[in-house]
Amino acid sequence: MREHRVTLPELVLIAATRGMIGFGAGLLLSERFSGRSGGRRRRRVIGWSLLATGLVSTIPLVLRLRRRGQEREELGEQRMQPEEPMPEDSQAAAVIMAE
């Protein structure tokens, strides 16, 4: 399982986009469950707008989180590979600390 660290503003943005997608999909599906045709056009326009906006705004968030995760992995690999060879005693200590 991967661990992603997000800031509070990022968490709010993620929740908002999920909410927009869910609310938009709910509006689009609601016309199938309701027999009334009043406001159908407006409900469809708002539903598609929310759904599309939520989907499109999710893309930059996902790309940003992935990019940051890759940068952290690269930094972690750089830390694990020292530039100079370590003496025998310190290599054993580094292995124990990593486990």
N, C-alpha and C. Protein backbone atom coordinates (compact mmCIF):
# COMPACT_ATOMS: atom_id res chain seq x y z
N MET A 1 0.84 -1.17 0.00
CA MET A 1 0.00 0.00 0.00
C MET A 1 0.89 1.24 0.00
N ARG A 2 0.59 2.17 -0.86
CA ARG A 2 1.37 3.40 -0.96
C ARG A 2 0.82 4.45 -0.01
N GLU A 3 1.71 5.25 0.49
CA GLU A 3 1.32 6.33 1.37
C GLU A 3 1.54 7.65 0.66
N HIS A 4 0.52 8.48 0.65
CA HIS A 4 0.61 9.81 0.04
C HIS A 4 0.33 10.85 1.12
N ARG A 5 1.21 11.80 1.21
CA ARG A 5 0.98 12.90 2.15
C ARG A 5 0.43 14.08 1.38
N VAL A 6 -0.69 14.59 1.85
CA VAL A 6 -1.32 15.74 1.21
C VAL A 6 -1.53 16.84 2.24
N THR A 7 -1.49 18.06 1.76
CA THR A 7 -1.75 19.19 2.64
C THR A 7 -3.25 19.36 2.80
N LEU A 8 -3.65 20.15 3.78
CA LEU A 8 -5.07 20.38 4.02
C LEU A 8 -5.76 21.02 2.81
N PRO A 9 -5.16 22.05 2.15
CA PRO A 9 -5.82 22.59 0.95
C PRO A 9 -5.97 21.56 -0.16
N GLU A 10 -4.99 20.68 -0.32
CA GLU A 10 -5.11 19.63 -1.34
C GLU A 10 -6.23 18.66 -0.98
N LEU A 11 -6.34 18.33 0.29
CA LEU A 11 -7.41 17.44 0.73
C LEU A 11 -8.78 18.05 0.48
N VAL A 12 -8.90 19.35 0.72
CA VAL A 12 -10.17 20.05 0.47
C VAL A 12 -10.48 20.04 -1.02
N LEU A 13 -9.47 20.29 -1.86
CA LEU A 13 -9.69 20.26 -3.31
C LEU A 13 -10.11 18.88 -3.80
N ILE A 14 -9.47 17.86 -3.27
CA ILE A 14 -9.83 16.49 -3.65
C ILE A 14 -11.27 16.19 -3.25
N ALA A 15 -11.62 16.56 -2.03
CA ALA A 15 -13.00 16.32 -1.56
C ALA A 15 -14.01 17.12 -2.39
N ALA A 16 -13.66 18.35 -2.75
CA ALA A 16 -14.57 19.17 -3.55
C ALA A 16 -14.78 18.57 -4.93
N THR A 17 -13.71 18.10 -5.57
CA THR A 17 -13.87 17.50 -6.90
C THR A 17 -14.68 16.22 -6.83
N ARG A 18 -14.46 15.41 -5.79
CA ARG A 18 -15.26 14.19 -5.62
C ARG A 18 -16.73 14.54 -5.42
N GLY A 19 -16.97 15.60 -4.63
CA GLY A 19 -18.34 16.03 -4.40
C GLY A 19 -19.02 16.52 -5.66
N MET A 20 -18.27 17.27 -6.47
CA MET A 20 -18.83 17.78 -7.73
C MET A 20 -19.20 16.62 -8.66
N ILE A 21 -18.31 15.65 -8.75
CA ILE A 21 -18.58 14.50 -9.61
C ILE A 21 -19.80 13.74 -9.11
N GLY A 22 -19.85 13.51 -7.81
CA GLY A 22 -20.98 12.77 -7.24
C GLY A 22 -22.30 13.51 -7.38
N PHE A 23 -22.28 14.82 -7.11
CA PHE A 23 -23.51 15.59 -7.21
C PHE A 23 -23.98 15.68 -8.66
N GLY A 24 -23.03 15.88 -9.59
CA GLY A 24 -23.37 15.93 -11.02
C GLY A 24 -23.96 14.62 -11.50
N ALA A 25 -23.33 13.51 -11.10
CA ALA A 25 -23.85 12.20 -11.49
C ALA A 25 -25.22 11.97 -10.87
N GLY A 26 -25.42 12.42 -9.63
CA GLY A 26 -26.73 12.28 -8.98
C GLY A 26 -27.81 13.04 -9.72
N LEU A 27 -27.48 14.25 -10.17
CA LEU A 27 -28.47 15.02 -10.94
C LEU A 27 -28.80 14.34 -12.26
N LEU A 28 -27.80 13.77 -12.90
CA LEU A 28 -28.05 13.09 -14.18
C LEU A 28 -28.87 11.83 -13.97
N LEU A 29 -28.60 11.10 -12.90
CA LEU A 29 -29.35 9.87 -12.65
C LEU A 29 -30.74 10.13 -12.08
N SER A 30 -30.93 11.29 -11.47
CA SER A 30 -32.21 11.57 -10.84
C SER A 30 -33.36 11.62 -11.84
N GLU A 31 -33.08 11.99 -13.07
CA GLU A 31 -34.17 12.04 -14.04
C GLU A 31 -34.64 10.64 -14.42
N ARG A 32 -33.83 9.65 -14.20
CA ARG A 32 -34.26 8.27 -14.47
C ARG A 32 -35.17 7.76 -13.37
N PHE A 33 -35.00 8.26 -12.17
CA PHE A 33 -35.79 7.80 -11.04
C PHE A 33 -37.04 8.64 -10.82
N SER A 34 -37.03 9.87 -11.26
CA SER A 34 -38.20 10.72 -11.03
C SER A 34 -39.05 10.75 -12.29
N GLY A 35 -40.33 10.70 -12.12
CA GLY A 35 -41.25 10.71 -13.25
C GLY A 35 -41.56 12.11 -13.75
N ARG A 36 -41.18 13.11 -12.98
CA ARG A 36 -41.49 14.49 -13.37
C ARG A 36 -40.53 14.96 -14.46
N SER A 37 -41.04 15.77 -15.36
CA SER A 37 -40.18 16.32 -16.41
C SER A 37 -39.88 17.79 -16.16
N GLY A 38 -40.39 18.36 -15.06
CA GLY A 38 -40.15 19.76 -14.76
C GLY A 38 -38.70 20.00 -14.39
N GLY A 39 -38.06 20.95 -15.04
CA GLY A 39 -36.66 21.27 -14.76
C GLY A 39 -35.67 20.26 -15.28
N ARG A 40 -36.13 19.39 -16.16
CA ARG A 40 -35.26 18.33 -16.66
C ARG A 40 -34.06 18.90 -17.40
N ARG A 41 -34.30 19.88 -18.25
CA ARG A 41 -33.20 20.45 -19.03
C ARG A 41 -32.18 21.13 -18.12
N ARG A 42 -32.69 21.89 -17.16
CA ARG A 42 -31.77 22.60 -16.25
C ARG A 42 -30.97 21.60 -15.41
N ARG A 43 -31.64 20.54 -14.96
CA ARG A 43 -30.97 19.51 -14.17
C ARG A 43 -29.88 18.82 -14.98
N ARG A 44 -30.16 18.57 -16.25
CA ARG A 44 -29.15 17.93 -17.12
C ARG A 44 -27.96 18.85 -17.35
N VAL A 45 -28.22 20.14 -17.60
CA VAL A 45 -27.13 21.09 -17.84
C VAL A 45 -26.25 21.22 -16.61
N ILE A 46 -26.87 21.39 -15.45
CA ILE A 46 -26.09 21.52 -14.21
C ILE A 46 -25.36 20.22 -13.90
N GLY A 47 -26.02 19.10 -14.10
CA GLY A 47 -25.40 17.80 -13.84
C GLY A 47 -24.17 17.57 -14.70
N TRP A 48 -24.29 17.80 -16.01
CA TRP A 48 -23.14 17.63 -16.90
C TRP A 48 -22.04 18.63 -16.59
N SER A 49 -22.41 19.86 -16.24
CA SER A 49 -21.41 20.87 -15.90
C SER A 49 -20.61 20.46 -14.66
N LEU A 50 -21.31 20.02 -13.61
CA LEU A 50 -20.61 19.60 -12.40
C LEU A 50 -19.76 18.36 -12.64
N LEU A 51 -20.30 17.41 -13.37
CA LEU A 51 -19.55 16.19 -13.66
C LEU A 51 -18.29 16.50 -14.45
N ALA A 52 -18.42 17.28 -15.51
CA ALA A 52 -17.26 17.61 -16.35
C ALA A 52 -16.23 18.44 -15.58
N THR A 53 -16.69 19.43 -14.83
CA THR A 53 -15.77 20.26 -14.06
C THR A 53 -15.03 19.44 -13.02
N GLY A 54 -15.73 18.55 -12.36
CA GLY A 54 -15.09 17.69 -11.36
C GLY A 54 -14.05 16.77 -11.98
N LEU A 55 -14.39 16.18 -13.12
CA LEU A 55 -13.43 15.29 -13.79
C LEU A 55 -12.21 16.05 -14.29
N VAL A 56 -12.44 17.19 -14.93
CA VAL A 56 -11.32 17.96 -15.50
C VAL A 56 -10.43 18.53 -14.40
N SER A 57 -11.01 18.96 -13.30
CA SER A 57 -10.19 19.53 -12.23
C SER A 57 -9.46 18.46 -11.43
N THR A 58 -9.86 17.20 -11.56
CA THR A 58 -9.17 16.12 -10.88
C THR A 58 -7.83 15.81 -11.54
N ILE A 59 -7.74 15.99 -12.83
CA ILE A 59 -6.53 15.62 -13.57
C ILE A 59 -5.29 16.34 -13.05
N PRO A 60 -5.28 17.68 -12.91
CA PRO A 60 -4.07 18.33 -12.39
C PRO A 60 -3.74 17.91 -10.96
N LEU A 61 -4.75 17.63 -10.15
CA LEU A 61 -4.48 17.19 -8.78
C LEU A 61 -3.77 15.84 -8.76
N VAL A 62 -4.25 14.91 -9.57
CA VAL A 62 -3.64 13.58 -9.64
C VAL A 62 -2.21 13.69 -10.17
N LEU A 63 -2.01 14.47 -11.21
CA LEU A 63 -0.67 14.63 -11.77
C LEU A 63 0.28 15.24 -10.74
N ARG A 64 -0.19 16.21 -9.99
CA ARG A 64 0.66 16.86 -8.98
C ARG A 64 1.05 15.87 -7.88
N LEU A 65 0.08 15.08 -7.40
CA LEU A 65 0.39 14.11 -6.36
C LEU A 65 1.34 13.03 -6.85
N ARG A 66 1.15 12.56 -8.06
CA ARG A 66 2.06 11.55 -8.62
C ARG A 66 3.46 12.09 -8.79
N ARG A 67 3.56 13.33 -9.32
CA ARG A 67 4.87 13.94 -9.52
C ARG A 67 5.60 14.09 -8.19
N ARG A 68 4.88 14.54 -7.17
CA ARG A 68 5.49 14.72 -5.86
C ARG A 68 5.90 13.37 -5.27
N GLY A 69 5.10 12.33 -5.47
CA GLY A 69 5.44 11.00 -4.98
C GLY A 69 6.69 10.46 -5.66
N GLN A 70 6.82 10.70 -6.96
CA GLN A 70 8.01 10.25 -7.67
C GLN A 70 9.25 11.00 -7.20
N GLU A 71 9.10 12.30 -6.93
CA GLU A 71 10.23 13.08 -6.43
C GLU A 71 10.67 12.56 -5.06
N ARG A 72 9.72 12.22 -4.21
CA ARG A 72 10.07 11.68 -2.89
C ARG A 72 10.76 10.33 -3.02
N GLU A 73 10.29 9.48 -3.94
CA GLU A 73 10.94 8.19 -4.15
C GLU A 73 12.36 8.37 -4.64
N GLU A 74 12.58 9.32 -5.56
CA GLU A 74 13.92 9.58 -6.07
C GLU A 74 14.82 10.10 -4.96
N LEU A 75 14.30 10.97 -4.11
CA LEU A 75 15.09 11.47 -2.99
C LEU A 75 15.43 10.34 -2.04
N GLY A 76 14.50 9.45 -1.81
CA GLY A 76 14.75 8.31 -0.94
C GLY A 76 15.82 7.40 -1.49
N GLU A 77 15.82 7.17 -2.80
CA GLU A 77 16.84 6.34 -3.43
C GLU A 77 18.19 7.02 -3.36
N GLN A 78 18.24 8.33 -3.52
CA GLN A 78 19.50 9.05 -3.42
C GLN A 78 20.07 8.95 -2.02
N ARG A 79 19.21 9.01 -1.02
CA ARG A 79 19.67 8.91 0.36
C ARG A 79 20.21 7.52 0.66
N MET A 80 19.63 6.50 0.03
CA MET A 80 20.06 5.13 0.29
C MET A 80 21.37 4.80 -0.42
N GLN A 81 21.75 5.57 -1.44
CA GLN A 81 22.98 5.31 -2.17
C GLN A 81 23.99 6.41 -1.88
N PRO A 82 24.86 6.19 -0.88
CA PRO A 82 25.84 7.23 -0.55
C PRO A 82 26.87 7.38 -1.66
N GLU A 83 27.43 8.57 -1.75
CA GLU A 83 28.43 8.84 -2.77
C GLU A 83 29.75 8.16 -2.45
N GLU A 84 30.13 8.15 -1.17
CA GLU A 84 31.38 7.51 -0.74
C GLU A 84 31.06 6.19 -0.06
N PRO A 85 31.90 5.20 -0.24
CA PRO A 85 31.65 3.95 0.49
C PRO A 85 31.84 4.18 1.98
N MET A 86 30.97 3.58 2.77
CA MET A 86 31.05 3.74 4.22
C MET A 86 31.91 2.63 4.81
N PRO A 87 32.51 2.89 5.96
CA PRO A 87 33.25 1.81 6.63
C PRO A 87 32.30 0.68 7.02
N GLU A 88 32.85 -0.50 7.26
CA GLU A 88 32.06 -1.69 7.57
C GLU A 88 31.08 -1.48 8.72
N ASP A 89 31.50 -0.88 9.79
CA ASP A 89 30.64 -0.70 10.97
C ASP A 89 29.45 0.20 10.65
N SER A 90 29.66 1.27 9.91
CA SER A 90 28.57 2.18 9.62
C SER A 90 27.60 1.59 8.59
N GLN A 91 28.08 0.70 7.72
CA GLN A 91 27.18 0.05 6.78
C GLN A 91 26.20 -0.85 7.54
N ALA A 92 26.67 -1.56 8.51
CA ALA A 92 25.80 -2.43 9.30
C ALA A 92 24.77 -1.61 10.06
N ALA A 93 25.20 -0.47 10.58
CA ALA A 93 24.27 0.40 11.32
C ALA A 93 23.21 0.96 10.39
N ALA A 94 23.58 1.30 9.14
CA ALA A 94 22.64 1.85 8.19
C ALA A 94 21.60 0.80 7.80
N VAL A 95 22.00 -0.43 7.66
CA VAL A 95 21.08 -1.51 7.29
C VAL A 95 20.10 -1.76 8.44
N ILE A 96 20.57 -1.77 9.64
CA ILE A 96 19.69 -2.00 10.79
C ILE A 96 18.68 -0.87 10.91
N MET A 97 19.12 0.36 10.70
CA MET A 97 18.22 1.51 10.80
C MET A 97 17.17 1.47 9.70
N ALA A 98 17.51 0.99 8.51
CA ALA A 98 16.58 0.96 7.39
C ALA A 98 15.52 -0.12 7.60
N GLU A 99 15.85 -1.19 8.28
CA GLU A 99 14.89 -2.26 8.49
C GLU A 99 13.97 -1.85 9.56
